[in-house]
Protein backbone atom coordinates (compact mmCIF):
# COMPACT_ATOMS: atom_id res chain seq x y z
CA MET A 1 77.60 108.94 159.83
CA SER A 2 78.77 110.35 163.14
CA THR A 3 80.75 108.47 165.74
CA ARG A 4 79.45 109.44 169.14
CA TYR A 5 81.87 110.41 171.86
CA ASP A 6 79.31 109.73 174.60
CA LYS A 7 76.51 107.41 173.59
CA SER A 8 74.54 108.39 176.72
CA ALA A 9 74.55 112.14 175.90
CA ARG A 10 71.11 113.74 176.16
CA ASN A 11 69.62 116.79 174.54
CA VAL A 12 67.88 119.67 176.33
CA LEU A 13 64.52 117.91 175.90
CA GLY A 14 65.79 114.80 177.68
CA GLY A 15 66.04 112.63 174.57
CA GLU A 16 69.00 111.14 172.75
CA LEU A 17 71.34 113.81 171.40
CA ALA A 18 70.81 114.13 167.64
CA ALA A 19 73.53 115.05 165.16
CA CYS A 20 73.85 118.77 164.43
CA SER A 21 75.71 118.76 161.10
CA MET A 22 77.91 116.53 158.99
CA ASP A 23 78.24 119.16 156.23
CA PRO A 24 80.11 121.01 157.47
CA VAL A 25 81.27 118.56 160.12
CA THR A 26 80.82 120.21 163.49
CA GLY A 27 81.28 119.51 167.17
CA PHE A 28 84.23 119.70 169.53
CA TYR A 29 85.07 116.11 168.54
CA ARG A 30 84.28 116.82 164.87
CA ASN A 31 81.76 114.00 164.84
CA GLY A 32 78.70 116.03 163.88
CA CYS A 33 77.33 116.19 167.43
CA CYS A 34 77.36 118.95 170.04
CA GLU A 35 78.88 116.66 172.63
CA THR A 36 81.14 117.84 175.40
CA GLY A 37 83.77 116.28 177.60
CA PRO A 38 86.63 117.10 179.92
CA HIS A 39 88.77 118.74 177.22
CA ASP A 40 85.97 120.94 175.83
CA LEU A 41 86.61 124.07 177.86
CA GLY A 42 84.37 126.13 175.57
CA LEU A 43 81.32 123.89 176.03
CA HIS A 44 80.46 123.48 172.33
CA THR A 45 76.95 122.40 173.30
CA VAL A 46 74.44 124.45 171.33
CA CYS A 47 73.45 123.45 167.80
CA ALA A 48 72.77 126.78 166.12
CA VAL A 49 71.64 127.74 162.64
CA MET A 50 73.97 130.40 161.32
CA THR A 51 72.72 133.76 160.08
CA ASP A 52 74.65 136.53 158.37
CA ASP A 53 73.97 138.77 161.37
CA PHE A 54 75.31 136.25 163.87
CA LEU A 55 78.40 135.50 161.76
CA ALA A 56 79.17 139.25 161.63
CA PHE A 57 78.56 139.53 165.38
CA SER A 58 80.89 136.63 166.13
CA LYS A 59 83.59 138.00 163.82
CA ALA A 60 83.37 141.39 165.53
CA ARG A 61 83.91 139.59 168.85
CA GLY A 62 87.09 137.95 167.57
CA ASN A 63 85.73 134.57 166.46
CA ASP A 64 85.62 134.57 162.66
CA LEU A 65 83.48 131.61 161.67
CA SER A 66 82.90 132.69 158.07
CA THR A 67 86.43 132.72 156.66
CA PRO A 68 87.66 129.36 155.34
CA ARG A 69 90.75 127.96 157.10
CA PRO A 70 91.96 125.13 154.84
CA GLU A 71 94.92 124.40 157.12
CA LEU A 72 92.37 123.46 159.81
CA ALA A 73 90.02 121.71 157.37
CA PHE A 74 87.48 124.45 158.15
CA PRO A 75 85.34 125.50 155.17
CA GLY A 76 83.98 128.70 156.71
CA LEU A 77 80.32 128.97 157.61
CA LYS A 78 77.48 130.66 155.78
CA ALA A 79 73.89 131.47 156.64
CA GLY A 80 71.86 128.30 157.01
CA ASP A 81 74.75 126.11 158.16
CA ARG A 82 74.34 124.33 161.48
CA TRP A 83 77.24 124.56 163.91
CA CYS A 84 77.99 123.59 167.50
CA LEU A 85 78.62 126.90 169.20
CA CYS A 86 80.27 127.55 172.52
CA ALA A 87 77.64 128.06 175.19
CA GLY A 88 79.19 131.35 176.28
CA ARG A 89 79.22 132.79 172.74
CA TRP A 90 75.56 131.91 172.24
CA LYS A 91 74.68 133.51 175.59
CA GLU A 92 76.71 136.60 174.65
CA ALA A 93 74.77 136.80 171.38
CA LEU A 94 71.50 136.31 173.27
CA ASP A 95 72.32 139.20 175.59
CA ALA A 96 73.10 141.37 172.55
CA GLY A 97 69.86 140.39 170.76
CA MET A 98 71.81 138.47 168.09
CA ALA A 99 71.32 134.82 169.11
CA PRO A 100 70.82 132.42 166.21
CA GLN A 101 68.07 129.82 166.32
CA VAL A 102 68.86 126.49 167.95
CA VAL A 103 68.03 122.89 167.12
CA LEU A 104 66.75 121.56 170.45
CA GLN A 105 67.16 117.87 169.62
CA ALA A 106 70.83 118.47 168.79
CA THR A 107 71.64 120.84 171.69
CA HIS A 108 73.38 119.11 174.60
CA GLU A 109 71.68 119.17 178.00
CA GLU A 110 74.74 120.94 179.48
CA MET A 111 73.40 124.08 177.80
CA LEU A 112 70.73 124.17 180.51
CA ALA A 113 73.45 125.26 182.95
CA ILE A 114 73.75 128.47 180.90
CA VAL A 115 70.13 129.30 179.97
CA THR A 116 66.72 127.86 180.73
CA LEU A 117 64.83 125.51 178.46
CA GLY A 118 62.24 128.26 178.00
CA VAL A 119 64.86 130.61 176.55
CA LEU A 120 66.08 127.88 174.21
CA LYS A 121 62.52 127.11 173.12
CA ASP A 122 62.01 130.80 172.37
CA HIS A 123 64.94 130.53 169.94
CA ALA A 124 64.16 127.07 168.56
CA VAL A 125 63.98 126.26 164.87
CA ALA A 126 60.36 125.63 164.00
């Protein structure tokens, strides 16, 4: 069960922000939700479903999300895992044609400052 940082957080559809993943545990606050706050300079606001292509893209850009880091309690991600990505990384992947699908109900409304709802819907998990 996640402990919300901001109980009033909304998703991009205007509803209550749903949890993204508890296995692996994601989010800037490691509470399963793509919440953001004053210390989250990366805006970890988009709940994305990992793909092998995106993980390779991210690693090539210097953010290796697939290698386990036990010292950080990070299991490493694999295709199919849900993860709260930084808004800028998702936009970079979008511009490169590599954006993973997003879970709209679990993507924080702050993401709308980066891309439109239409773009997010085009990349939404069915």
